[in-house]
PDB file of all heavy atoms in Angstrom:
ATOM      1  N   LEU A   1      82.798  50.254 -60.382  1.00  0.00           N
ATOM      2  CA  LEU A   1      84.200  50.371 -59.963  1.00  0.00           C
ATOM      3  C   LEU A   1      84.435  51.908 -59.751  1.00  0.00           C
ATOM      4  O   LEU A   1      84.254  52.687 -60.664  1.00  0.00           O
ATOM      5  CB  LEU A   1      85.120  49.884 -61.072  1.00  0.00           C
ATOM      6  CG  LEU A   1      86.633  49.985 -60.847  1.00  0.00           C
ATOM      7  CD1 LEU A   1      87.026  49.079 -59.714  1.00  0.00           C
ATOM      8  CD2 LEU A   1      87.408  49.641 -62.094  1.00  0.00           C
ATOM      9  N   GLU A   2      84.812  52.250 -58.526  1.00  0.00           N
ATOM     10  CA  GLU A   2      84.890  53.682 -58.201  1.00  0.00           C
ATOM     11  C   GLU A   2      85.864  53.910 -57.080  1.00  0.00           C
ATOM     12  O   GLU A   2      86.084  53.020 -56.208  1.00  0.00           O
ATOM     13  CB  GLU A   2      83.477  54.186 -57.861  1.00  0.00           C
ATOM     14  CG  GLU A   2      83.357  55.682 -57.634  1.00  0.00           C
ATOM     15  CD  GLU A   2      83.828  56.491 -58.865  1.00  0.00           C
ATOM     16  OE1 GLU A   2      83.007  56.773 -59.750  1.00  0.00           O
ATOM     17  OE2 GLU A   2      85.029  56.753 -58.877  1.00  0.00           O
ATOM     18  N   PHE A   3      86.478  55.101 -57.060  1.00  0.00           N
ATOM     19  CA  PHE A   3      87.265  55.497 -55.904  1.00  0.00           C
ATOM     20  C   PHE A   3      86.366  55.495 -54.672  1.00  0.00           C
ATOM     21  O   PHE A   3      85.189  55.821 -54.752  1.00  0.00           O
ATOM     22  CB  PHE A   3      87.841  56.899 -56.132  1.00  0.00           C
ATOM     23  CG  PHE A   3      88.882  56.903 -57.209  1.00  0.00           C
ATOM     24  CD1 PHE A   3      88.568  57.496 -58.473  1.00  0.00           C
ATOM     25  CD2 PHE A   3      90.130  56.344 -57.047  1.00  0.00           C
ATOM     26  CE1 PHE A   3      89.525  57.505 -59.437  1.00  0.00           C
ATOM     27  CE2 PHE A   3      91.067  56.377 -58.056  1.00  0.00           C
ATOM     28  CZ  PHE A   3      90.776  56.979 -59.267  1.00  0.00           C
ATOM     29  N   SER A   4      86.949  55.120 -53.528  1.00  0.00           N
ATOM     30  CA  SER A   4      86.137  55.011 -52.364  1.00  0.00           C
ATOM     31  C   SER A   4      86.875  55.522 -51.100  1.00  0.00           C
ATOM     32  O   SER A   4      87.790  56.336 -51.233  1.00  0.00           O
ATOM     33  CB  SER A   4      85.712  53.514 -52.162  1.00  0.00           C
ATOM     34  OG  SER A   4      84.604  53.432 -51.329  1.00  0.00           O
ATOM     35  N   LYS A   5      86.478  55.053 -49.958  1.00  0.00           N
ATOM     36  CA  LYS A   5      87.036  55.540 -48.692  1.00  0.00           C
ATOM     37  C   LYS A   5      88.297  54.719 -48.346  1.00  0.00           C
ATOM     38  O   LYS A   5      88.221  53.536 -48.097  1.00  0.00           O
ATOM     39  CB  LYS A   5      86.020  55.471 -47.561  1.00  0.00           C
ATOM     40  CG  LYS A   5      86.484  56.190 -46.243  1.00  0.00           C
ATOM     41  CD  LYS A   5      85.352  56.254 -45.305  1.00  0.00           C
ATOM     42  CE  LYS A   5      85.823  56.850 -43.945  1.00  0.00           C
ATOM     43  NZ  LYS A   5      86.328  58.279 -44.147  1.00  0.00           N
ATOM     44  N   VAL A   6      89.432  55.405 -48.317  1.00  0.00           N
ATOM     45  CA  VAL A   6      90.739  54.700 -48.130  1.00  0.00           C
ATOM     46  C   VAL A   6      90.858  54.269 -46.652  1.00  0.00           C
ATOM     47  O   VAL A   6      90.235  54.895 -45.742  1.00  0.00           O
ATOM     48  CB  VAL A   6      91.892  55.672 -48.570  1.00  0.00           C
ATOM     49  CG1 VAL A   6      92.065  56.801 -47.601  1.00  0.00           C
ATOM     50  CG2 VAL A   6      93.114  54.877 -48.741  1.00  0.00           C
ATOM     51  N   ALA A   7      91.610  53.220 -46.414  1.00  0.00           N
ATOM     52  CA  ALA A   7      91.895  52.748 -45.027  1.00  0.00           C
ATOM     53  C   ALA A   7      92.584  53.883 -44.254  1.00  0.00           C
ATOM     54  O   ALA A   7      93.406  54.586 -44.776  1.00  0.00           O
ATOM     55  CB  ALA A   7      92.754  51.515 -45.071  1.00  0.00           C
ATOM     56  N   LYS A   8      92.227  53.983 -42.966  1.00  0.00           N
ATOM     57  CA  LYS A   8      92.706  55.091 -42.137  1.00  0.00           C
ATOM     58  C   LYS A   8      94.243  55.266 -42.118  1.00  0.00           C
ATOM     59  O   LYS A   8      94.726  56.408 -42.150  1.00  0.00           O
ATOM     60  CB  LYS A   8      92.214  54.901 -40.704  1.00  0.00           C
ATOM     61  CG  LYS A   8      90.804  55.457 -40.510  1.00  0.00           C
ATOM     62  CD  LYS A   8      90.502  55.693 -39.028  1.00  0.00           C
ATOM     63  CE  LYS A   8      89.173  56.453 -38.871  1.00  0.00           C
ATOM     64  NZ  LYS A   8      89.235  57.808 -39.479  1.00  0.00           N
ATOM     65  N   PRO A   9      95.074  54.182 -42.051  1.00  0.00           N
ATOM     66  CA  PRO A   9      96.507  54.379 -42.044  1.00  0.00           C
ATOM     67  C   PRO A   9      97.039  55.064 -43.325  1.00  0.00           C
ATOM     68  O   PRO A   9      98.124  55.589 -43.303  1.00  0.00           O
ATOM     69  CB  PRO A   9      97.067  52.963 -41.929  1.00  0.00           C
ATOM     70  CG  PRO A   9      95.985  52.197 -41.290  1.00  0.00           C
ATOM     71  CD  PRO A   9      94.679  52.750 -41.791  1.00  0.00           C
ATOM     72  N   LEU A  10      96.243  55.044 -44.388  1.00  0.00           N
ATOM     73  CA  LEU A  10      96.678  55.617 -45.628  1.00  0.00           C
ATOM     74  C   LEU A  10      96.173  57.055 -45.905  1.00  0.00           C
ATOM     75  O   LEU A  10      96.515  57.681 -46.849  1.00  0.00           O
ATOM     76  CB  LEU A  10      96.260  54.769 -46.849  1.00  0.00           C
ATOM     77  CG  LEU A  10      96.799  53.313 -46.856  1.00  0.00           C
ATOM     78  CD1 LEU A  10      96.160  52.573 -48.012  1.00  0.00           C
ATOM     79  CD2 LEU A  10      98.307  53.330 -46.941  1.00  0.00           C
ATOM     80  N   GLU A  11      95.293  57.540 -44.967  1.00  0.00           N
ATOM     81  CA  GLU A  11      94.593  58.767 -45.244  1.00  0.00           C
ATOM     82  C   GLU A  11      95.495  59.986 -45.411  1.00  0.00           C
ATOM     83  O   GLU A  11      95.317  60.751 -46.349  1.00  0.00           O
ATOM     84  CB  GLU A  11      93.588  59.067 -44.063  1.00  0.00           C
ATOM     85  CG  GLU A  11      92.316  58.263 -44.162  1.00  0.00           C
ATOM     86  CD  GLU A  11      91.364  58.569 -43.042  1.00  0.00           C
ATOM     87  OE1 GLU A  11      91.770  59.286 -42.030  1.00  0.00           O
ATOM     88  OE2 GLU A  11      90.194  58.134 -43.096  1.00  0.00           O
ATOM     89  N   LYS A  12      96.491  60.152 -44.545  1.00  0.00           N
ATOM     90  CA  LYS A  12      97.363  61.363 -44.654  1.00  0.00           C
ATOM     91  C   LYS A  12      98.123  61.399 -45.959  1.00  0.00           C
ATOM     92  O   LYS A  12      98.192  62.428 -46.627  1.00  0.00           O
ATOM     93  CB  LYS A  12      98.244  61.452 -43.441  1.00  0.00           C
ATOM     94  CG  LYS A  12      97.532  61.856 -42.166  1.00  0.00           C
ATOM     95  CD  LYS A  12      98.477  62.108 -41.001  1.00  0.00           C
ATOM     96  CE  LYS A  12      97.719  62.577 -39.787  1.00  0.00           C
ATOM     97  NZ  LYS A  12      98.659  62.830 -38.667  1.00  0.00           N
ATOM     98  N   ILE A  13      98.780  60.293 -46.267  1.00  0.00           N
ATOM     99  CA  ILE A  13      99.609  60.253 -47.463  1.00  0.00           C
ATOM    100  C   ILE A  13      98.716  60.332 -48.756  1.00  0.00           C
ATOM    101  O   ILE A  13      99.101  60.990 -49.705  1.00  0.00           O
ATOM    102  CB  ILE A  13     100.516  59.003 -47.522  1.00  0.00           C
ATOM    103  CG1 ILE A  13     101.548  59.160 -48.624  1.00  0.00           C
ATOM    104  CG2 ILE A  13      99.690  57.706 -47.683  1.00  0.00           C
ATOM    105  CD1 ILE A  13     102.686  58.189 -48.575  1.00  0.00           C
ATOM    106  N   TYR A  14      97.502  59.803 -48.653  1.00  0.00           N
ATOM    107  CA  TYR A  14      96.601  59.793 -49.769  1.00  0.00           C
ATOM    108  C   TYR A  14      96.101  61.275 -49.985  1.00  0.00           C
ATOM    109  O   TYR A  14      96.021  61.700 -51.124  1.00  0.00           O
ATOM    110  CB  TYR A  14      95.429  58.882 -49.523  1.00  0.00           C
ATOM    111  CG  TYR A  14      94.479  58.704 -50.711  1.00  0.00           C
ATOM    112  CD1 TYR A  14      94.938  58.403 -51.982  1.00  0.00           C
ATOM    113  CD2 TYR A  14      93.150  58.879 -50.538  1.00  0.00           C
ATOM    114  CE1 TYR A  14      94.097  58.203 -53.031  1.00  0.00           C
ATOM    115  CE2 TYR A  14      92.243  58.705 -51.616  1.00  0.00           C
ATOM    116  CZ  TYR A  14      92.742  58.414 -52.878  1.00  0.00           C
ATOM    117  OH  TYR A  14      91.894  58.221 -53.900  1.00  0.00           O
ATOM    118  N   ASP A  15      95.799  61.999 -48.914  1.00  0.00           N
ATOM    119  CA  ASP A  15      95.384  63.399 -49.032  1.00  0.00           C
ATOM    120  C   ASP A  15      96.549  64.214 -49.599  1.00  0.00           C
ATOM    121  O   ASP A  15      96.315  65.083 -50.414  1.00  0.00           O
ATOM    122  CB  ASP A  15      94.985  63.937 -47.650  1.00  0.00           C
ATOM    123  CG  ASP A  15      93.579  63.472 -47.197  1.00  0.00           C
ATOM    124  OD1 ASP A  15      92.876  62.976 -48.106  1.00  0.00           O
ATOM    125  OD2 ASP A  15      93.286  63.620 -46.066  1.00  0.00           O
ATOM    126  N   TRP A  16      97.761  63.992 -49.126  1.00  0.00           N
ATOM    127  CA  TRP A  16      98.901  64.719 -49.638  1.00  0.00           C
ATOM    128  C   TRP A  16      99.092  64.496 -51.149  1.00  0.00           C
ATOM    129  O   TRP A  16      99.210  65.438 -51.922  1.00  0.00           O
ATOM    130  CB  TRP A  16     100.198  64.305 -48.926  1.00  0.00           C
ATOM    131  CG  TRP A  16     101.421  64.838 -49.549  1.00  0.00           C
ATOM    132  CD1 TRP A  16     101.976  66.055 -49.400  1.00  0.00           C
ATOM    133  CD2 TRP A  16     102.304  64.136 -50.439  1.00  0.00           C
ATOM    134  NE1 TRP A  16     103.126  66.222 -50.130  1.00  0.00           N
ATOM    135  CE2 TRP A  16     103.363  65.012 -50.776  1.00  0.00           C
ATOM    136  CE3 TRP A  16     102.314  62.835 -50.956  1.00  0.00           C
ATOM    137  CZ2 TRP A  16     104.376  64.652 -51.681  1.00  0.00           C
ATOM    138  CZ3 TRP A  16     103.342  62.490 -51.821  1.00  0.00           C
ATOM    139  CH2 TRP A  16     104.355  63.323 -52.170  1.00  0.00           C
ATOM    140  N   TYR A  17      98.962  63.234 -51.553  1.00  0.00           N
ATOM    141  CA  TYR A  17      99.111  62.919 -52.969  1.00  0.00           C
ATOM    142  C   TYR A  17      97.980  63.567 -53.795  1.00  0.00           C
ATOM    143  O   TYR A  17      98.220  64.147 -54.853  1.00  0.00           O
ATOM    144  CB  TYR A  17      99.080  61.397 -53.145  1.00  0.00           C
ATOM    145  CG  TYR A  17      99.107  60.961 -54.622  1.00  0.00           C
ATOM    146  CD1 TYR A  17     100.291  60.991 -55.313  1.00  0.00           C
ATOM    147  CD2 TYR A  17      97.972  60.576 -55.250  1.00  0.00           C
ATOM    148  CE1 TYR A  17     100.331  60.652 -56.675  1.00  0.00           C
ATOM    149  CE2 TYR A  17      97.983  60.293 -56.580  1.00  0.00           C
ATOM    150  CZ  TYR A  17      99.189  60.253 -57.295  1.00  0.00           C
ATOM    151  OH  TYR A  17      99.187  59.942 -58.630  1.00  0.00           O
ATOM    152  N   SER A  18      96.757  63.471 -53.282  1.00  0.00           N
ATOM    153  CA  SER A  18      95.578  63.959 -54.026  1.00  0.00           C
ATOM    154  C   SER A  18      95.596  65.413 -54.210  1.00  0.00           C
ATOM    155  O   SER A  18      95.238  65.952 -55.311  1.00  0.00           O
ATOM    156  CB  SER A  18      94.296  63.548 -53.287  1.00  0.00           C
ATOM    157  OG  SER A  18      94.179  62.135 -53.191  1.00  0.00           O
ATOM    158  N   PHE A  19      96.005  66.180 -53.200  1.00  0.00           N
ATOM    159  CA  PHE A  19      95.840  67.635 -53.247  1.00  0.00           C
ATOM    160  C   PHE A  19      97.145  68.383 -53.512  1.00  0.00           C
ATOM    161  O   PHE A  19      97.133  69.563 -53.853  1.00  0.00           O
ATOM    162  CB  PHE A  19      95.180  68.194 -51.970  1.00  0.00           C
ATOM    163  CG  PHE A  19      93.767  67.657 -51.805  1.00  0.00           C
ATOM    164  CD1 PHE A  19      93.461  66.667 -50.895  1.00  0.00           C
ATOM    165  CD2 PHE A  19      92.735  68.123 -52.602  1.00  0.00           C
ATOM    166  CE1 PHE A  19      92.181  66.202 -50.756  1.00  0.00           C
ATOM    167  CE2 PHE A  19      91.455  67.685 -52.511  1.00  0.00           C
ATOM    168  CZ  PHE A  19      91.181  66.690 -51.568  1.00  0.00           C
ATOM    169  N   LYS A  20      98.272  67.722 -53.416  1.00  0.00           N
ATOM    170  CA  LYS A  20      99.561  68.359 -53.753  1.00  0.00           C
ATOM    171  C   LYS A  20     100.128  67.838 -55.038  1.00  0.00           C
ATOM    172  O   LYS A  20     100.529  68.595 -55.925  1.00  0.00           O
ATOM    173  CB  LYS A  20     100.507  68.127 -52.592  1.00  0.00           C
ATOM    174  CG  LYS A  20     100.122  68.706 -51.290  1.00  0.00           C
ATOM    175  CD  LYS A  20     100.014  70.235 -51.316  1.00  0.00           C
ATOM    176  CE  LYS A  20      99.713  70.836 -49.965  1.00  0.00           C
ATOM    177  NZ  LYS A  20      99.553  72.311 -50.010  1.00  0.00           N
ATOM    178  N   VAL A  21     100.197  66.495 -55.161  1.00  0.00           N
ATOM    179  CA  VAL A  21     100.895  65.883 -56.320  1.00  0.00           C
ATOM    180  C   VAL A  21     100.006  65.859 -57.543  1.00  0.00           C
ATOM    181  O   VAL A  21     100.423  66.228 -58.645  1.00  0.00           O
ATOM    182  CB  VAL A  21     101.377  64.425 -55.999  1.00  0.00           C
ATOM    183  CG1 VAL A  21     101.983  63.798 -57.205  1.00  0.00           C
ATOM    184  CG2 VAL A  21     102.368  64.480 -54.830  1.00  0.00           C
ATOM    185  N   LEU A  22      98.749  65.466 -57.372  1.00  0.00           N
ATOM    186  CA  LEU A  22      97.799  65.246 -58.486  1.00  0.00           C
ATOM    187  C   LEU A  22      97.597  66.501 -59.332  1.00  0.00           C
ATOM    188  O   LEU A  22      97.745  66.490 -60.537  1.00  0.00           O
ATOM    189  CB  LEU A  22      96.500  64.698 -58.032  1.00  0.00           C
ATOM    190  CG  LEU A  22      95.505  64.178 -59.085  1.00  0.00           C
ATOM    191  CD1 LEU A  22      96.158  63.166 -60.016  1.00  0.00           C
ATOM    192  CD2 LEU A  22      94.318  63.545 -58.395  1.00  0.00           C
ATOM    193  N   PRO A  23      97.319  67.670 -58.693  1.00  0.00           N
ATOM    194  CA  PRO A  23      97.131  68.890 -59.501  1.00  0.00           C
ATOM    195  C   PRO A  23      98.416  69.262 -60.266  1.00  0.00           C
ATOM    196  O   PRO A  23      98.348  69.794 -61.406  1.00  0.00           O
ATOM    197  CB  PRO A  23      96.751  69.957 -58.485  1.00  0.00           C
ATOM    198  CG  PRO A  23      96.153  69.162 -57.364  1.00  0.00           C
ATOM    199  CD  PRO A  23      96.934  67.935 -57.285  1.00  0.00           C
ATOM    200  N   GLN A  24      99.562  69.004 -59.693  1.00  0.00           N
ATOM    201  CA  GLN A  24     100.834  69.340 -60.353  1.00  0.00           C
ATOM    202  C   GLN A  24     101.043  68.411 -61.569  1.00  0.00           C
ATOM    203  O   GLN A  24     101.500  68.816 -62.601  1.00  0.00           O
ATOM    204  CB  GLN A  24     102.019  69.246 -59.391  1.00  0.00           C
ATOM    205  CG  GLN A  24     102.004  70.306 -58.314  1.00  0.00           C
ATOM    206  CD  GLN A  24     101.921  71.701 -58.969  1.00  0.00           C
ATOM    207  OE1 GLN A  24     102.653  72.049 -59.896  1.00  0.00           O
ATOM    208  NE2 GLN A  24     100.994  72.537 -58.485  1.00  0.00           N
ATOM    209  N   LEU A  25     100.683  67.108 -61.403  1.00  0.00           N
ATOM    210  CA  LEU A  25     100.705  66.225 -62.563  1.00  0.00           C
ATOM    211  C   LEU A  25      99.821  66.686 -63.647  1.00  0.00           C
ATOM    212  O   LEU A  25     100.164  66.722 -64.858  1.00  0.00           O
ATOM    213  CB  LEU A  25     100.274  64.821 -62.124  1.00  0.00           C
ATOM    214  CG  LEU A  25     101.333  63.796 -61.669  1.00  0.00           C
ATOM    215  CD1 LEU A  25     100.691  62.476 -61.276  1.00  0.00           C
ATOM    216  CD2 LEU A  25     102.389  63.552 -62.738  1.00  0.00           C
ATOM    217  N   GLY A  26      98.606  67.126 -63.279  1.00  0.00           N
ATOM    218  CA  GLY A  26      97.642  67.680 -64.220  1.00  0.00           C
ATOM    219  C   GLY A  26      98.202  68.903 -64.951  1.00  0.00           C
ATOM    220  O   GLY A  26      97.981  69.073 -66.146  1.00  0.00           O
ATOM    221  N   ARG A  27      98.917  69.735 -64.243  1.00  0.00           N
ATOM    222  CA  ARG A  27      99.518  70.951 -64.838  1.00  0.00           C
ATOM    223  C   ARG A  27     100.613  70.558 -65.800  1.00  0.00           C
ATOM    224  O   ARG A  27     100.651  71.099 -66.948  1.00  0.00           O
ATOM    225  CB  ARG A  27     100.048  71.892 -63.727  1.00  0.00           C
ATOM    226  CG  ARG A  27     100.713  73.178 -64.274  1.00  0.00           C
ATOM    227  CD  ARG A  27     101.225  74.033 -63.145  1.00  0.00           C
ATOM    228  NE  ARG A  27     102.301  73.362 -62.404  1.00  0.00           N
ATOM    229  CZ  ARG A  27     103.583  73.334 -62.798  1.00  0.00           C
ATOM    230  NH1 ARG A  27     103.943  73.937 -63.934  1.00  0.00           N
ATOM    231  NH2 ARG A  27     104.490  72.731 -62.068  1.00  0.00           N
ATOM    232  N   LEU A  28     101.488  69.686 -65.405  1.00  0.00           N
ATOM    233  CA  LEU A  28     102.671  69.356 -66.262  1.00  0.00           C
ATOM    234  C   LEU A  28     102.298  68.471 -67.480  1.00  0.00           C
ATOM    235  O   LEU A  28     102.848  68.721 -68.573  1.00  0.00           O
ATOM    236  CB  LEU A  28     103.679  68.521 -65.394  1.00  0.00           C
ATOM    237  CG  LEU A  28     104.344  69.374 -64.268  1.00  0.00           C
ATOM    238  CD1 LEU A  28     105.125  68.402 -63.379  1.00  0.00           C
ATOM    239  CD2 LEU A  28     105.267  70.409 -64.866  1.00  0.00           C
ATOM    240  N   VAL A  29     101.345  67.580 -67.296  1.00  0.00           N
ATOM    241  CA  VAL A  29     101.060  66.613 -68.392  1.00  0.00           C
ATOM    242  C   VAL A  29      99.845  67.032 -69.220  1.00  0.00           C
ATOM    243  O   VAL A  29      99.890  66.936 -70.441  1.00  0.00           O
ATOM    244  CB  VAL A  29     100.802  65.183 -67.780  1.00  0.00           C
ATOM    245  CG1 VAL A  29     100.412  64.195 -68.943  1.00  0.00           C
ATOM    246  CG2 VAL A  29     102.026  64.711 -67.013  1.00  0.00           C
ATOM    247  N   ALA A  30      98.804  67.556 -68.573  1.00  0.00           N
ATOM    248  CA  ALA A  30      97.591  67.903 -69.277  1.00  0.00           C
ATOM    249  C   ALA A  30      97.393  69.371 -69.400  1.00  0.00           C
ATOM    250  O   ALA A  30      96.470  69.860 -70.078  1.00  0.00           O
ATOM    251  CB  ALA A  30      96.364  67.272 -68.604  1.00  0.00           C
ATOM    252  N   GLY A  31      98.257  70.189 -68.739  1.00  0.00           N
ATOM    253  CA  GLY A  31      98.082  71.619 -68.763  1.00  0.00           C
ATOM    254  C   GLY A  31      96.807  72.137 -68.078  1.00  0.00           C
ATOM    255  O   GLY A  31      96.298  73.202 -68.405  1.00  0.00           O
ATOM    256  N   ASP A  32      96.315  71.334 -67.066  1.00  0.00           N
ATOM    257  CA  ASP A  32      95.047  71.617 -66.482  1.00  0.00           C
ATOM    258  C   ASP A  32      95.001  71.180 -64.999  1.00  0.00           C
ATOM    259  O   ASP A  32      94.376  70.144 -64.700  1.00  0.00           O
ATOM    260  CB  ASP A  32      93.919  70.952 -67.305  1.00  0.00           C
ATOM    261  CG  ASP A  32      92.537  71.328 -66.820  1.00  0.00           C
ATOM    262  OD1 ASP A  32      92.396  72.087 -65.877  1.00  0.00           O
ATOM    263  OD2 ASP A  32      91.561  70.801 -67.376  1.00  0.00           O
ATOM    264  N   PRO A  33      95.603  71.896 -64.142  1.00  0.00           N
ATOM    265  CA  PRO A  33      95.580  71.509 -62.740  1.00  0.00           C
ATOM    266  C   PRO A  33      94.201  71.567 -62.089  1.00  0.00           C
ATOM    267  O   PRO A  33      93.885  70.771 -61.206  1.00  0.00           O
ATOM    268  CB  PRO A  33      96.548  72.533 -62.032  1.00  0.00           C
ATOM    269  CG  PRO A  33      96.567  73.674 -62.942  1.00  0.00           C
ATOM    270  CD  PRO A  33      96.428  73.166 -64.333  1.00  0.00           C
ATOM    271  N   ALA A  34      93.308  72.492 -62.518  1.00  0.00           N
ATOM    272  CA  ALA A  34      92.029  72.650 -61.906  1.00  0.00           C
ATOM    273  C   ALA A  34      91.182  71.411 -62.084  1.00  0.00           C
ATOM    274  O   ALA A  34      90.469  71.043 -61.163  1.00  0.00           O
ATOM    275  CB  ALA A  34      91.315  73.905 -62.519  1.00  0.00           C
TER     276      ALA A  34
END
């Protein structure tokens, strides 16, 4: 079970979430955006 290649219509929003939202969640909740 692993993250994989997302369907093309979802690529842009998935990239935005992964590289903009996810590190900020990591900073706020875990104190570790990196």
